[in-house]
Amino acid sequence: MSYVRSLIIASILAVVAWFIFPVINTNQLDPQLVLSIAVFISVVAGSLLAGGSASRATTKSGTKNQDVKTLFVGNLAFKARRDEVSKLFSEYGQVNSVRIMTDRETRRPRGFGFIEMNAGDAKAAIKALDGYEFMGRDLKVNEANERKAD
């Protein structure tokens, strides 16, 4: 997703630079050189603005993506909030992200969500929280399956 955003930003910056550089260009440089410079600068700036740098391959905790597990949490109470779920799971390790799924049309919670944690912490959380009563409901916690392509 950030790759596409980076390309869009880079394209916009290249077009802007194409029109600005001839105004600034008092030495009458070759137009192809001006375009090359504009494209280079816009690609670098676009990737930085879109956050598409190589450092994005790590999570907040600094671990590689291969060490991160996504957990499925089912039977969540509809009144459960991200910070409450995060607090519960953080007792077993660092929580990288919490997504509580909502209905697209009504925006109401659907009763399940996904938690990203480090692999070792995720196993401990599954063992401790599967069947655990949270907000009056017994949670169903397991490793999430990969999303199927449509």
C-alpha atoms as a PDB file:
ATOM      1  CA  MET A   1       0.000   0.000   0.000  1.00  0.00           C
ATOM      2  CA  SER A   2       2.753   2.484   0.884  1.00  0.00           C
ATOM      3  CA  TYR A   3       4.523   1.573  -2.381  1.00  0.00           C
ATOM      4  CA  VAL A   4       1.524   2.773  -4.417  1.00  0.00           C
ATOM      5  CA  ARG A   5       1.207   5.890  -2.278  1.00  0.00           C
ATOM      6  CA  SER A   6       4.924   6.547  -2.783  1.00  0.00           C
ATOM      7  CA  LEU A   7       4.547   6.268  -6.570  1.00  0.00           C
ATOM      8  CA  ILE A   8       1.601   8.654  -6.611  1.00  0.00           C
ATOM      9  CA  ILE A   9       3.428  11.241  -4.519  1.00  0.00           C
ATOM     10  CA  ALA A  10       6.568  10.834  -6.642  1.00  0.00           C
ATOM     11  CA  SER A  11       4.570  11.349  -9.851  1.00  0.00           C
ATOM     12  CA  ILE A  12       2.923  14.490  -8.544  1.00  0.00           C
ATOM     13  CA  LEU A  13       6.256  15.881  -7.377  1.00  0.00           C
ATOM     14  CA  ALA A  14       7.847  15.075 -10.752  1.00  0.00           C
ATOM     15  CA  VAL A  15       5.165  17.018 -12.610  1.00  0.00           C
ATOM     16  CA  VAL A  16       5.515  19.971 -10.231  1.00  0.00           C
ATOM     17  CA  ALA A  17       9.322  19.881 -10.567  1.00  0.00           C
ATOM     18  CA  TRP A  18       9.031  19.708 -14.373  1.00  0.00           C
ATOM     19  CA  PHE A  19       7.259  23.073 -14.335  1.00  0.00           C
ATOM     20  CA  ILE A  20       9.335  24.707 -11.571  1.00  0.00           C
ATOM     21  CA  PHE A  21      12.871  23.747 -12.690  1.00  0.00           C
ATOM     22  CA  PRO A  22      12.781  25.660 -16.023  1.00  0.00           C
ATOM     23  CA  VAL A  23      11.848  28.816 -14.109  1.00  0.00           C
ATOM     24  CA  ILE A  24      14.748  28.288 -11.688  1.00  0.00           C
ATOM     25  CA  ASN A  25      17.132  27.067 -14.416  1.00  0.00           C
ATOM     26  CA  THR A  26      19.153  30.169 -15.282  1.00  0.00           C
ATOM     27  CA  ASN A  27      22.056  28.171 -16.785  1.00  0.00           C
ATOM     28  CA  GLN A  28      19.814  26.688 -19.479  1.00  0.00           C
ATOM     29  CA  LEU A  29      20.566  23.042 -18.658  1.00  0.00           C
ATOM     30  CA  ASP A  30      19.458  20.279 -20.983  1.00  0.00           C
ATOM     31  CA  PRO A  31      15.691  19.546 -20.457  1.00  0.00           C
ATOM     32  CA  GLN A  32      16.354  15.801 -20.167  1.00  0.00           C
ATOM     33  CA  LEU A  33      18.841  16.433 -17.372  1.00  0.00           C
ATOM     34  CA  VAL A  34      16.306  18.670 -15.636  1.00  0.00           C
ATOM     35  CA  LEU A  35      13.664  15.930 -15.940  1.00  0.00           C
ATOM     36  CA  SER A  36      16.086  13.312 -14.597  1.00  0.00           C
ATOM     37  CA  ILE A  37      16.906  15.471 -11.585  1.00  0.00           C
ATOM     38  CA  ALA A  38      13.211  16.186 -11.012  1.00  0.00           C
ATOM     39  CA  VAL A  39      12.296  12.498 -11.131  1.00  0.00           C
ATOM     40  CA  PHE A  40      15.146  11.523  -8.802  1.00  0.00           C
ATOM     41  CA  ILE A  41      14.270  14.178  -6.229  1.00  0.00           C
ATOM     42  CA  SER A  42      10.554  13.381  -6.413  1.00  0.00           C
ATOM     43  CA  VAL A  43      11.106   9.636  -5.983  1.00  0.00           C
ATOM     44  CA  VAL A  44      13.274  10.197  -2.907  1.00  0.00           C
ATOM     45  CA  ALA A  45      10.898  12.781  -1.451  1.00  0.00           C
ATOM     46  CA  GLY A  46       7.841  10.674  -2.304  1.00  0.00           C
ATOM     47  CA  SER A  47       9.199   7.595  -0.593  1.00  0.00           C
ATOM     48  CA  LEU A  48      10.093   9.586   2.508  1.00  0.00           C
ATOM     49  CA  LEU A  49       6.687  11.289   2.648  1.00  0.00           C
ATOM     50  CA  ALA A  50       4.814   8.024   2.133  1.00  0.00           C
ATOM     51  CA  GLY A  51       6.886   6.174   4.714  1.00  0.00           C
ATOM     52  CA  GLY A  52       8.098   3.651   2.159  1.00  0.00           C
ATOM     53  CA  SER A  53      11.642   3.426   3.489  1.00  0.00           C
ATOM     54  CA  ALA A  54      13.275   0.106   4.310  1.00  0.00           C
ATOM     55  CA  SER A  55      12.996   0.766   8.043  1.00  0.00           C
ATOM     56  CA  ARG A  56       9.228   0.178   7.789  1.00  0.00           C
ATOM     57  CA  ALA A  57       9.916  -3.561   7.540  1.00  0.00           C
ATOM     58  CA  THR A  58      10.155  -3.696  11.321  1.00  0.00           C
ATOM     59  CA  THR A  59       7.393  -3.311  13.862  1.00  0.00           C
ATOM     60  CA  LYS A  60       7.221  -0.821  16.722  1.00  0.00           C
ATOM     61  CA  SER A  61       9.149  -3.180  18.959  1.00  0.00           C
ATOM     62  CA  GLY A  62      12.003  -3.382  16.459  1.00  0.00           C
ATOM     63  CA  THR A  63      11.486  -7.044  15.570  1.00  0.00           C
ATOM     64  CA  LYS A  64      11.292  -8.382  12.038  1.00  0.00           C
ATOM     65  CA  ASN A  65       7.856  -9.179  10.577  1.00  0.00           C
ATOM     66  CA  GLN A  66       8.654 -12.929  10.565  1.00  0.00           C
ATOM     67  CA  ASP A  67       8.668 -12.877  14.382  1.00  0.00           C
ATOM     68  CA  VAL A  68       5.191 -11.322  14.594  1.00  0.00           C
ATOM     69  CA  LYS A  69       2.063 -13.443  14.908  1.00  0.00           C
ATOM     70  CA  THR A  70      -1.480 -12.321  14.308  1.00  0.00           C
ATOM     71  CA  LEU A  71      -4.026 -13.699  16.741  1.00  0.00           C
ATOM     72  CA  PHE A  72      -7.738 -14.061  16.100  1.00  0.00           C
ATOM     73  CA  VAL A  73      -9.869 -13.071  19.090  1.00  0.00           C
ATOM     74  CA  GLY A  74     -13.462 -14.212  18.855  1.00  0.00           C
ATOM     75  CA  ASN A  75     -16.514 -13.773  21.068  1.00  0.00           C
ATOM     76  CA  LEU A  76     -15.443 -10.268  22.083  1.00  0.00           C
ATOM     77  CA  ALA A  77     -17.996  -8.210  23.951  1.00  0.00           C
ATOM     78  CA  PHE A  78     -19.487  -5.567  21.659  1.00  0.00           C
ATOM     79  CA  LYS A  79     -18.563  -2.878  24.199  1.00  0.00           C
ATOM     80  CA  ALA A  80     -14.872  -3.922  24.224  1.00  0.00           C
ATOM     81  CA  ARG A  81     -12.516  -1.161  23.092  1.00  0.00           C
ATOM     82  CA  ARG A  82      -9.039  -1.382  21.563  1.00  0.00           C
ATOM     83  CA  ASP A  83      -7.265  -0.020  24.637  1.00  0.00           C
ATOM     84  CA  GLU A  84      -9.016  -2.520  26.931  1.00  0.00           C
ATOM     85  CA  VAL A  85      -8.149  -5.469  24.678  1.00  0.00           C
ATOM     86  CA  SER A  86      -4.585  -4.198  24.310  1.00  0.00           C
ATOM     87  CA  LYS A  87      -4.228  -3.933  28.084  1.00  0.00           C
ATOM     88  CA  LEU A  88      -5.463  -7.510  28.532  1.00  0.00           C
ATOM     89  CA  PHE A  89      -3.044  -8.949  25.957  1.00  0.00           C
ATOM     90  CA  SER A  90      -0.116  -6.781  27.062  1.00  0.00           C
ATOM     91  CA  GLU A  91       0.016  -8.790  30.296  1.00  0.00           C
ATOM     92  CA  TYR A  92       1.537 -11.590  28.178  1.00  0.00           C
ATOM     93  CA  GLY A  93       3.929  -9.517  26.054  1.00  0.00           C
ATOM     94  CA  GLN A  94       4.225  -6.528  23.784  1.00  0.00           C
ATOM     95  CA  VAL A  95       1.155  -5.818  21.666  1.00  0.00           C
ATOM     96  CA  ASN A  96       2.061  -4.337  18.271  1.00  0.00           C
ATOM     97  CA  SER A  97      -1.484  -3.622  17.093  1.00  0.00           C
ATOM     98  CA  VAL A  98      -5.151  -4.264  17.904  1.00  0.00           C
ATOM     99  CA  ARG A  99      -7.914  -4.251  15.278  1.00  0.00           C
ATOM    100  CA  ILE A 100     -11.512  -4.716  16.377  1.00  0.00           C
ATOM    101  CA  MET A 101     -13.617  -5.428  13.321  1.00  0.00           C
ATOM    102  CA  THR A 102     -16.741  -3.376  12.641  1.00  0.00           C
ATOM    103  CA  ASP A 103     -19.611  -3.658  10.202  1.00  0.00           C
ATOM    104  CA  ARG A 104     -18.982  -1.481   7.132  1.00  0.00           C
ATOM    105  CA  GLU A 105     -22.492  -0.077   6.964  1.00  0.00           C
ATOM    106  CA  THR A 106     -23.494   0.325  10.609  1.00  0.00           C
ATOM    107  CA  ARG A 107     -19.957   0.788  12.042  1.00  0.00           C
ATOM    108  CA  ARG A 108     -20.986  -1.441  14.972  1.00  0.00           C
ATOM    109  CA  PRO A 109     -18.495  -3.955  16.403  1.00  0.00           C
ATOM    110  CA  ARG A 110     -18.763  -7.478  14.951  1.00  0.00           C
ATOM    111  CA  GLY A 111     -17.537  -9.280  18.064  1.00  0.00           C
ATOM    112  CA  PHE A 112     -14.066 -10.289  16.896  1.00  0.00           C
ATOM    113  CA  GLY A 113     -10.689  -8.761  16.237  1.00  0.00           C
ATOM    114  CA  PHE A 114      -7.015  -9.319  15.521  1.00  0.00           C
ATOM    115  CA  ILE A 115      -3.977  -8.760  17.726  1.00  0.00           C
ATOM    116  CA  GLU A 116      -0.370  -8.608  16.497  1.00  0.00           C
ATOM    117  CA  MET A 117       2.239  -9.767  19.000  1.00  0.00           C
ATOM    118  CA  ASN A 118       5.741 -11.218  18.990  1.00  0.00           C
ATOM    119  CA  ALA A 119       5.657 -14.963  18.296  1.00  0.00           C
ATOM    120  CA  GLY A 120       6.689 -16.121  21.777  1.00  0.00           C
ATOM    121  CA  ASP A 121       4.334 -13.706  23.498  1.00  0.00           C
ATOM    122  CA  ALA A 122       1.505 -14.760  21.188  1.00  0.00           C
ATOM    123  CA  LYS A 123       1.823 -18.411  22.229  1.00  0.00           C
ATOM    124  CA  ALA A 124       1.678 -17.422  25.899  1.00  0.00           C
ATOM    125  CA  ALA A 125      -1.370 -15.212  25.259  1.00  0.00           C
ATOM    126  CA  ILE A 126      -3.195 -17.990  23.386  1.00  0.00           C
ATOM    127  CA  LYS A 127      -2.536 -20.463  26.179  1.00  0.00           C
ATOM    128  CA  ALA A 128      -3.653 -18.062  28.908  1.00  0.00           C
ATOM    129  CA  LEU A 129      -6.573 -16.271  27.237  1.00  0.00           C
ATOM    130  CA  ASP A 130      -8.349 -18.951  25.168  1.00  0.00           C
ATOM    131  CA  GLY A 131     -11.538 -19.520  27.162  1.00  0.00           C
ATOM    132  CA  TYR A 132     -10.787 -16.590  29.505  1.00  0.00           C
ATOM    133  CA  GLU A 133     -13.848 -14.598  30.614  1.00  0.00           C
ATOM    134  CA  PHE A 134     -13.535 -10.980  29.509  1.00  0.00           C
ATOM    135  CA  MET A 135     -16.420  -8.522  29.932  1.00  0.00           C
ATOM    136  CA  GLY A 136     -18.834 -11.368  30.563  1.00  0.00           C
ATOM    137  CA  ARG A 137     -17.883 -13.490  27.528  1.00  0.00           C
ATOM    138  CA  ASP A 138     -15.493 -16.404  27.086  1.00  0.00           C
ATOM    139  CA  LEU A 139     -12.838 -15.391  24.563  1.00  0.00           C
ATOM    140  CA  LYS A 140     -11.800 -17.634  21.690  1.00  0.00           C
ATOM    141  CA  VAL A 141      -8.119 -16.939  20.990  1.00  0.00           C
ATOM    142  CA  ASN A 142      -6.010 -18.686  18.363  1.00  0.00           C
ATOM    143  CA  GLU A 143      -3.513 -17.935  15.640  1.00  0.00           C
ATOM    144  CA  ALA A 144      -5.184 -16.162  12.733  1.00  0.00           C
ATOM    145  CA  ASN A 145      -5.383 -17.840   9.334  1.00  0.00           C
ATOM    146  CA  GLU A 146      -3.995 -16.097   6.288  1.00  0.00           C
ATOM    147  CA  ARG A 147      -6.560 -14.041   4.396  1.00  0.00           C
ATOM    148  CA  LYS A 148      -7.776 -15.843   1.273  1.00  0.00           C
ATOM    149  CA  ALA A 149      -7.433 -14.057  -2.066  1.00  0.00           C
ATOM    150  CA  ASP A 150     -10.785 -13.088  -3.571  1.00  0.00           C
END
